[in-house]
Amino acid sequence: MKRTANARWNGGLVNGNGVMRLGSGAYEGKYSFGSRFEEAPGTNPEELIAAAHAGCFSMALSAALGKEGHDPESVETTAVVHLEKVGAGFAITRIGLKTRGAIPGISEDEFLRFAEDAKVNCPVSQALKAVPVELDAALVGE
């Protein structure tokens, strides 16, 4: 499998702008210096990394739970990618994953074990190994 996306940037860093597109056509978003480093409208690479990580983690956790007979009603994850000034530039310094699962018949400890495994082993986590990932996982419902 291969997945693609592309980006086009027009102009200089501060006054320029661009568009990022998924190869599937499912998403296209404008981005700029303001949407990345300030609070201007638009998206940014870190937001797309957060979406990818949240989606991958939720699927991996659901798959692992289901494989062991714990069919999830839902797994909802929010990822927060921290972009910070480091030296003369910027770096992604950490990622926070907050997940809540509605999983009938499982203990909190079991759920946490599955969540920790998904944090380490989902493909996006594997690709982002250089960045520390913090996990906040809990069951909801029942």
N, C-alpha and C. Protein backbone atom coordinates (compact mmCIF):
# COMPACT_ATOMS: atom_id res chain seq x y z
N MET A 1 0.84 -1.19 0.00
CA MET A 1 0.00 0.00 0.00
C MET A 1 0.88 1.24 0.00
N LYS A 2 0.45 2.21 -0.74
CA LYS A 2 1.10 3.52 -0.74
C LYS A 2 0.02 4.57 -0.60
N ARG A 3 0.27 5.54 0.24
CA ARG A 3 -0.66 6.66 0.43
C ARG A 3 0.09 7.93 0.07
N THR A 4 -0.60 8.86 -0.56
CA THR A 4 0.07 10.09 -1.01
C THR A 4 -0.68 11.32 -0.54
N ALA A 5 0.05 12.40 -0.50
CA ALA A 5 -0.50 13.73 -0.28
C ALA A 5 0.47 14.68 -0.95
N ASN A 6 0.00 15.87 -1.26
CA ASN A 6 0.92 16.85 -1.81
C ASN A 6 0.61 18.23 -1.24
N ALA A 7 1.60 19.09 -1.36
CA ALA A 7 1.46 20.46 -0.88
C ALA A 7 2.11 21.39 -1.87
N ARG A 8 1.51 22.54 -2.02
CA ARG A 8 2.08 23.60 -2.85
C ARG A 8 2.16 24.85 -1.99
N TRP A 9 3.33 25.48 -1.98
CA TRP A 9 3.53 26.72 -1.25
C TRP A 9 3.84 27.82 -2.25
N ASN A 10 3.18 28.97 -2.11
CA ASN A 10 3.39 30.12 -2.99
C ASN A 10 3.93 31.28 -2.18
N GLY A 11 5.04 31.85 -2.63
CA GLY A 11 5.57 33.04 -1.99
C GLY A 11 6.54 32.74 -0.87
N GLY A 12 6.85 33.78 -0.12
CA GLY A 12 7.79 33.69 0.99
C GLY A 12 7.15 33.08 2.23
N LEU A 13 7.97 32.85 3.23
CA LEU A 13 7.50 32.18 4.44
C LEU A 13 6.37 32.93 5.13
N VAL A 14 6.57 34.18 5.47
CA VAL A 14 5.59 34.91 6.27
C VAL A 14 4.39 35.37 5.46
N ASN A 15 4.60 35.81 4.23
CA ASN A 15 3.50 36.35 3.43
C ASN A 15 2.93 35.34 2.43
N GLY A 16 3.50 34.16 2.37
CA GLY A 16 3.04 33.16 1.42
C GLY A 16 1.83 32.39 1.93
N ASN A 17 1.42 31.45 1.11
CA ASN A 17 0.30 30.59 1.48
C ASN A 17 0.39 29.31 0.65
N GLY A 18 -0.35 28.34 1.07
CA GLY A 18 -0.31 27.08 0.35
C GLY A 18 -1.57 26.26 0.52
N VAL A 19 -1.54 25.11 -0.14
CA VAL A 19 -2.65 24.16 -0.08
C VAL A 19 -2.05 22.77 0.09
N MET A 20 -2.62 22.00 1.00
CA MET A 20 -2.26 20.60 1.17
C MET A 20 -3.45 19.75 0.73
N ARG A 21 -3.16 18.68 0.00
CA ARG A 21 -4.22 17.82 -0.54
C ARG A 21 -3.89 16.36 -0.27
N LEU A 22 -4.90 15.61 0.12
CA LEU A 22 -4.74 14.17 0.24
C LEU A 22 -4.89 13.55 -1.14
N GLY A 23 -4.11 12.51 -1.40
CA GLY A 23 -4.15 11.84 -2.69
C GLY A 23 -5.51 11.26 -3.02
N SER A 24 -6.28 10.89 -1.99
CA SER A 24 -7.61 10.32 -2.19
C SER A 24 -8.63 11.36 -2.61
N GLY A 25 -8.30 12.64 -2.41
CA GLY A 25 -9.26 13.71 -2.69
C GLY A 25 -10.21 13.97 -1.53
N ALA A 26 -10.06 13.24 -0.43
CA ALA A 26 -10.98 13.38 0.70
C ALA A 26 -10.78 14.68 1.47
N TYR A 27 -9.62 15.31 1.31
CA TYR A 27 -9.35 16.54 2.05
C TYR A 27 -8.42 17.44 1.26
N GLU A 28 -8.71 18.73 1.32
CA GLU A 28 -7.83 19.77 0.79
C GLU A 28 -7.95 20.95 1.73
N GLY A 29 -6.80 21.47 2.19
CA GLY A 29 -6.86 22.58 3.13
C GLY A 29 -5.79 23.61 2.88
N LYS A 30 -6.18 24.86 3.07
CA LYS A 30 -5.24 25.98 2.93
C LYS A 30 -4.41 26.10 4.20
N TYR A 31 -3.16 26.51 4.03
CA TYR A 31 -2.31 26.78 5.18
C TYR A 31 -1.43 27.97 4.91
N SER A 32 -0.95 28.57 6.01
CA SER A 32 -0.14 29.77 5.91
C SER A 32 0.75 29.86 7.15
N PHE A 33 1.63 30.84 7.15
CA PHE A 33 2.43 31.10 8.35
C PHE A 33 1.49 31.34 9.53
N GLY A 34 0.45 32.13 9.30
CA GLY A 34 -0.50 32.46 10.36
C GLY A 34 -1.25 31.25 10.90
N SER A 35 -1.61 30.30 10.03
CA SER A 35 -2.35 29.13 10.52
C SER A 35 -1.42 28.13 11.20
N ARG A 36 -0.14 28.26 10.95
CA ARG A 36 0.81 27.34 11.57
C ARG A 36 1.40 27.88 12.88
N PHE A 37 1.75 29.15 12.89
CA PHE A 37 2.46 29.71 14.04
C PHE A 37 1.65 30.71 14.83
N GLU A 38 0.45 31.03 14.34
CA GLU A 38 -0.44 31.95 15.03
C GLU A 38 -1.81 31.29 15.09
N GLU A 39 -2.87 32.04 15.18
CA GLU A 39 -4.21 31.46 15.27
C GLU A 39 -5.08 31.82 14.06
N ALA A 40 -4.46 32.02 12.92
CA ALA A 40 -5.20 32.37 11.70
C ALA A 40 -5.98 31.15 11.19
N PRO A 41 -7.03 31.38 10.42
CA PRO A 41 -7.79 30.26 9.85
C PRO A 41 -6.92 29.42 8.91
N GLY A 42 -7.25 28.18 8.81
CA GLY A 42 -6.53 27.25 7.94
C GLY A 42 -5.97 26.11 8.75
N THR A 43 -5.27 25.24 8.07
CA THR A 43 -4.70 24.08 8.73
C THR A 43 -3.19 24.23 8.83
N ASN A 44 -2.52 23.16 9.19
CA ASN A 44 -1.07 23.15 9.28
C ASN A 44 -0.59 21.69 9.33
N PRO A 45 0.67 21.45 9.05
CA PRO A 45 1.17 20.08 9.05
C PRO A 45 0.96 19.36 10.39
N GLU A 46 1.12 20.09 11.50
CA GLU A 46 1.00 19.45 12.81
C GLU A 46 -0.43 18.97 13.09
N GLU A 47 -1.41 19.74 12.63
CA GLU A 47 -2.80 19.34 12.79
C GLU A 47 -3.09 18.06 12.00
N LEU A 48 -2.50 17.95 10.82
CA LEU A 48 -2.69 16.74 10.02
C LEU A 48 -1.97 15.54 10.65
N ILE A 49 -0.81 15.77 11.25
CA ILE A 49 -0.13 14.70 11.98
C ILE A 49 -1.01 14.26 13.16
N ALA A 50 -1.60 15.21 13.86
CA ALA A 50 -2.48 14.88 14.99
C ALA A 50 -3.67 14.04 14.53
N ALA A 51 -4.28 14.41 13.42
CA ALA A 51 -5.41 13.64 12.89
C ALA A 51 -4.99 12.22 12.52
N ALA A 52 -3.85 12.12 11.87
CA ALA A 52 -3.35 10.80 11.47
C ALA A 52 -3.05 9.94 12.70
N HIS A 53 -2.45 10.53 13.70
CA HIS A 53 -2.09 9.76 14.90
C HIS A 53 -3.34 9.33 15.66
N ALA A 54 -4.29 10.23 15.83
CA ALA A 54 -5.53 9.88 16.53
C ALA A 54 -6.28 8.77 15.80
N GLY A 55 -6.36 8.88 14.48
CA GLY A 55 -7.06 7.86 13.69
C GLY A 55 -6.37 6.52 13.74
N CYS A 56 -5.06 6.51 13.59
CA CYS A 56 -4.29 5.27 13.60
C CYS A 56 -4.37 4.60 14.97
N PHE A 57 -4.16 5.38 16.02
CA PHE A 57 -4.20 4.85 17.38
C PHE A 57 -5.58 4.24 17.69
N SER A 58 -6.65 4.95 17.35
CA SER A 58 -8.01 4.46 17.64
C SER A 58 -8.28 3.14 16.92
N MET A 59 -7.85 3.05 15.66
CA MET A 59 -8.04 1.80 14.91
C MET A 59 -7.21 0.66 15.50
N ALA A 60 -5.95 0.95 15.85
CA ALA A 60 -5.08 -0.09 16.40
C ALA A 60 -5.60 -0.59 17.74
N LEU A 61 -6.07 0.32 18.58
CA LEU A 61 -6.63 -0.07 19.87
C LEU A 61 -7.89 -0.90 19.68
N SER A 62 -8.77 -0.48 18.80
CA SER A 62 -10.00 -1.24 18.52
C SER A 62 -9.68 -2.63 17.98
N ALA A 63 -8.69 -2.72 17.09
CA ALA A 63 -8.31 -4.02 16.52
C ALA A 63 -7.76 -4.95 17.58
N ALA A 64 -6.89 -4.44 18.44
CA ALA A 64 -6.30 -5.28 19.49
C ALA A 64 -7.35 -5.75 20.48
N LEU A 65 -8.25 -4.86 20.86
CA LEU A 65 -9.33 -5.24 21.77
C LEU A 65 -10.22 -6.31 21.14
N GLY A 66 -10.62 -6.10 19.89
CA GLY A 66 -11.47 -7.05 19.19
C GLY A 66 -10.83 -8.41 19.03
N LYS A 67 -9.54 -8.43 18.77
CA LYS A 67 -8.80 -9.69 18.60
C LYS A 67 -8.85 -10.53 19.87
N GLU A 68 -8.93 -9.86 21.02
CA GLU A 68 -8.99 -10.56 22.31
C GLU A 68 -10.42 -10.73 22.82
N GLY A 69 -11.42 -10.51 21.95
CA GLY A 69 -12.81 -10.74 22.33
C GLY A 69 -13.48 -9.60 23.06
N HIS A 70 -12.87 -8.42 23.07
CA HIS A 70 -13.46 -7.23 23.71
C HIS A 70 -13.93 -6.28 22.62
N ASP A 71 -15.10 -6.52 22.08
CA ASP A 71 -15.59 -5.69 20.97
C ASP A 71 -15.96 -4.29 21.46
N PRO A 72 -15.25 -3.28 20.97
CA PRO A 72 -15.51 -1.92 21.41
C PRO A 72 -16.83 -1.37 20.86
N GLU A 73 -17.52 -0.63 21.69
CA GLU A 73 -18.64 0.18 21.19
C GLU A 73 -18.07 1.40 20.50
N SER A 74 -17.03 1.99 21.12
CA SER A 74 -16.35 3.14 20.51
C SER A 74 -15.01 3.37 21.18
N VAL A 75 -14.11 3.95 20.40
CA VAL A 75 -12.84 4.46 20.90
C VAL A 75 -12.69 5.84 20.31
N GLU A 76 -12.59 6.85 21.16
CA GLU A 76 -12.43 8.23 20.68
C GLU A 76 -11.12 8.80 21.21
N THR A 77 -10.30 9.30 20.30
CA THR A 77 -8.97 9.79 20.66
C THR A 77 -8.76 11.20 20.13
N THR A 78 -8.20 12.03 20.98
CA THR A 78 -7.74 13.36 20.59
C THR A 78 -6.22 13.36 20.69
N ALA A 79 -5.56 13.82 19.66
CA ALA A 79 -4.11 13.95 19.67
C ALA A 79 -3.75 15.44 19.67
N VAL A 80 -2.79 15.79 20.49
CA VAL A 80 -2.30 17.17 20.56
C VAL A 80 -0.81 17.13 20.22
N VAL A 81 -0.45 17.76 19.11
CA VAL A 81 0.94 17.84 18.68
C VAL A 81 1.48 19.18 19.16
N HIS A 82 2.56 19.13 19.93
CA HIS A 82 3.16 20.34 20.49
C HIS A 82 4.31 20.81 19.60
N LEU A 83 4.12 21.97 18.97
CA LEU A 83 5.14 22.60 18.14
C LEU A 83 5.72 23.75 18.95
N GLU A 84 7.02 23.69 19.24
CA GLU A 84 7.62 24.68 20.11
C GLU A 84 8.91 25.23 19.50
N LYS A 85 9.23 26.45 19.90
CA LYS A 85 10.49 27.08 19.50
C LYS A 85 11.62 26.33 20.18
N VAL A 86 12.56 25.85 19.37
CA VAL A 86 13.73 25.15 19.88
C VAL A 86 14.95 25.72 19.16
N GLY A 87 15.80 26.40 19.91
CA GLY A 87 16.97 27.03 19.29
C GLY A 87 16.53 28.07 18.27
N ALA A 88 17.10 27.98 17.08
CA ALA A 88 16.79 28.94 16.02
C ALA A 88 15.55 28.55 15.22
N GLY A 89 14.99 27.38 15.48
CA GLY A 89 13.84 26.91 14.70
C GLY A 89 12.71 26.40 15.57
N PHE A 90 11.91 25.53 14.99
CA PHE A 90 10.78 24.94 15.67
C PHE A 90 10.90 23.43 15.60
N ALA A 91 10.29 22.75 16.58
CA ALA A 91 10.31 21.29 16.59
C ALA A 91 9.02 20.77 17.22
N ILE A 92 8.62 19.60 16.79
CA ILE A 92 7.55 18.88 17.47
C ILE A 92 8.21 18.23 18.68
N THR A 93 7.83 18.68 19.86
CA THR A 93 8.50 18.25 21.08
C THR A 93 7.79 17.11 21.81
N ARG A 94 6.50 16.95 21.58
CA ARG A 94 5.75 15.85 22.19
C ARG A 94 4.37 15.77 21.58
N ILE A 95 3.75 14.62 21.80
CA ILE A 95 2.38 14.40 21.35
C ILE A 95 1.60 13.84 22.53
N GLY A 96 0.44 14.38 22.76
CA GLY A 96 -0.44 13.87 23.80
C GLY A 96 -1.61 13.15 23.16
N LEU A 97 -1.86 11.93 23.59
CA LEU A 97 -3.03 11.17 23.14
C LEU A 97 -3.99 11.03 24.32
N LYS A 98 -5.22 11.46 24.12
CA LYS A 98 -6.26 11.30 25.13
C LYS A 98 -7.33 10.42 24.50
N THR A 99 -7.51 9.23 25.06
CA THR A 99 -8.47 8.30 24.48
C THR A 99 -9.49 7.87 25.51
N ARG A 100 -10.69 7.72 25.04
CA ARG A 100 -11.79 7.24 25.88
C ARG A 100 -12.45 6.09 25.14
N GLY A 101 -12.61 4.98 25.84
CA GLY A 101 -13.18 3.80 25.21
C GLY A 101 -14.43 3.33 25.91
N ALA A 102 -15.43 2.98 25.13
CA ALA A 102 -16.63 2.32 25.64
C ALA A 102 -16.48 0.85 25.25
N ILE A 103 -16.02 0.05 26.20
CA ILE A 103 -15.69 -1.35 25.95
C ILE A 103 -16.39 -2.20 27.01
N PRO A 104 -17.48 -2.84 26.68
CA PRO A 104 -18.19 -3.66 27.67
C PRO A 104 -17.32 -4.83 28.15
N GLY A 105 -17.40 -5.10 29.45
CA GLY A 105 -16.79 -6.29 30.02
C GLY A 105 -15.29 -6.28 30.17
N ILE A 106 -14.66 -5.13 30.20
CA ILE A 106 -13.21 -5.06 30.36
C ILE A 106 -12.88 -4.19 31.58
N SER A 107 -11.83 -4.54 32.28
CA SER A 107 -11.42 -3.74 33.43
C SER A 107 -10.59 -2.54 32.95
N GLU A 108 -10.48 -1.56 33.82
CA GLU A 108 -9.68 -0.37 33.52
C GLU A 108 -8.22 -0.77 33.29
N ASP A 109 -7.70 -1.67 34.12
CA ASP A 109 -6.31 -2.11 33.96
C ASP A 109 -6.08 -2.80 32.62
N GLU A 110 -7.01 -3.65 32.21
CA GLU A 110 -6.89 -4.32 30.90
C GLU A 110 -6.90 -3.29 29.78
N PHE A 111 -7.83 -2.35 29.88
CA PHE A 111 -7.93 -1.32 28.85
C PHE A 111 -6.63 -0.52 28.75
N LEU A 112 -6.07 -0.15 29.89
CA LEU A 112 -4.82 0.61 29.89
C LEU A 112 -3.69 -0.19 29.26
N ARG A 113 -3.66 -1.49 29.48
CA ARG A 113 -2.63 -2.33 28.88
C ARG A 113 -2.75 -2.33 27.36
N PHE A 114 -3.98 -2.48 26.86
CA PHE A 114 -4.21 -2.43 25.41
C PHE A 114 -3.85 -1.05 24.85
N ALA A 115 -4.21 0.01 25.57
CA ALA A 115 -3.94 1.38 25.10
C ALA A 115 -2.43 1.64 25.03
N GLU A 116 -1.70 1.21 26.04
CA GLU A 116 -0.24 1.39 26.03
C GLU A 116 0.39 0.65 24.85
N ASP A 117 -0.10 -0.54 24.56
CA ASP A 117 0.42 -1.31 23.43
C ASP A 117 0.13 -0.60 22.11
N ALA A 118 -1.08 -0.07 21.95
CA ALA A 118 -1.44 0.65 20.73
C ALA A 118 -0.60 1.92 20.58
N LYS A 119 -0.32 2.58 21.70
CA LYS A 119 0.51 3.80 21.67
C LYS A 119 1.89 3.51 21.08
N VAL A 120 2.44 2.38 21.43
CA VAL A 120 3.78 2.02 20.96
C VAL A 120 3.75 1.42 19.55
N ASN A 121 2.71 0.67 19.23
CA ASN A 121 2.75 -0.16 18.03
C ASN A 121 1.90 0.27 16.85
N CYS A 122 1.04 1.29 16.99
CA CYS A 122 0.30 1.70 15.79
C CYS A 122 1.30 2.25 14.77
N PRO A 123 1.04 2.08 13.47
CA PRO A 123 2.01 2.50 12.46
C PRO A 123 2.43 3.97 12.54
N VAL A 124 1.52 4.86 12.89
CA VAL A 124 1.91 6.27 12.98
C VAL A 124 2.82 6.49 14.19
N SER A 125 2.54 5.83 15.31
CA SER A 125 3.45 5.92 16.46
C SER A 125 4.83 5.41 16.07
N GLN A 126 4.86 4.33 15.33
CA GLN A 126 6.14 3.78 14.88
C GLN A 126 6.91 4.81 14.04
N ALA A 127 6.19 5.51 13.17
CA ALA A 127 6.84 6.51 12.31
C ALA A 127 7.32 7.73 13.10
N LEU A 128 6.70 7.98 14.23
CA LEU A 128 7.02 9.17 15.03
C LEU A 128 7.83 8.83 16.28
N LYS A 129 8.59 7.76 16.26
CA LYS A 129 9.33 7.30 17.44
C LYS A 129 10.23 8.35 18.06
N ALA A 130 10.69 9.31 17.30
CA ALA A 130 11.60 10.32 17.82
C ALA A 130 10.91 11.31 18.77
N VAL A 131 9.58 11.27 18.80
CA VAL A 131 8.81 12.23 19.60
C VAL A 131 8.17 11.51 20.79
N PRO A 132 8.37 12.02 22.01
CA PRO A 132 7.71 11.41 23.16
C PRO A 132 6.19 11.49 23.03
N VAL A 133 5.51 10.41 23.39
CA VAL A 133 4.05 10.36 23.35
C VAL A 133 3.54 10.10 24.76
N GLU A 134 2.65 10.99 25.21
CA GLU A 134 2.02 10.86 26.53
C GLU A 134 0.61 10.32 26.30
N LEU A 135 0.19 9.39 27.16
CA LEU A 135 -1.12 8.77 26.99
C LEU A 135 -1.99 8.99 28.22
N ASP A 136 -3.22 9.42 27.97
CA ASP A 136 -4.27 9.54 28.99
C ASP A 136 -5.42 8.68 28.49
N ALA A 137 -5.59 7.50 29.10
CA ALA A 137 -6.61 6.55 28.62
C ALA A 137 -7.55 6.19 29.75
N ALA A 138 -8.83 6.11 29.43
CA ALA A 138 -9.83 5.75 30.43
C ALA A 138 -11.04 5.14 29.74
N LEU A 139 -11.75 4.32 30.50
CA LEU A 139 -13.03 3.78 30.03
C LEU A 139 -14.13 4.79 30.32
N VAL A 140 -15.16 4.76 29.51
CA VAL A 140 -16.35 5.59 29.74
C VAL A 140 -17.57 4.70 29.71
N GLY A 141 -18.66 5.19 30.26
CA GLY A 141 -19.92 4.46 30.19
C GLY A 141 -20.05 3.41 31.27
N GLU A 142 -20.98 2.53 31.05
CA GLU A 142 -21.34 1.42 31.94
C GLU A 142 -21.88 1.94 33.20
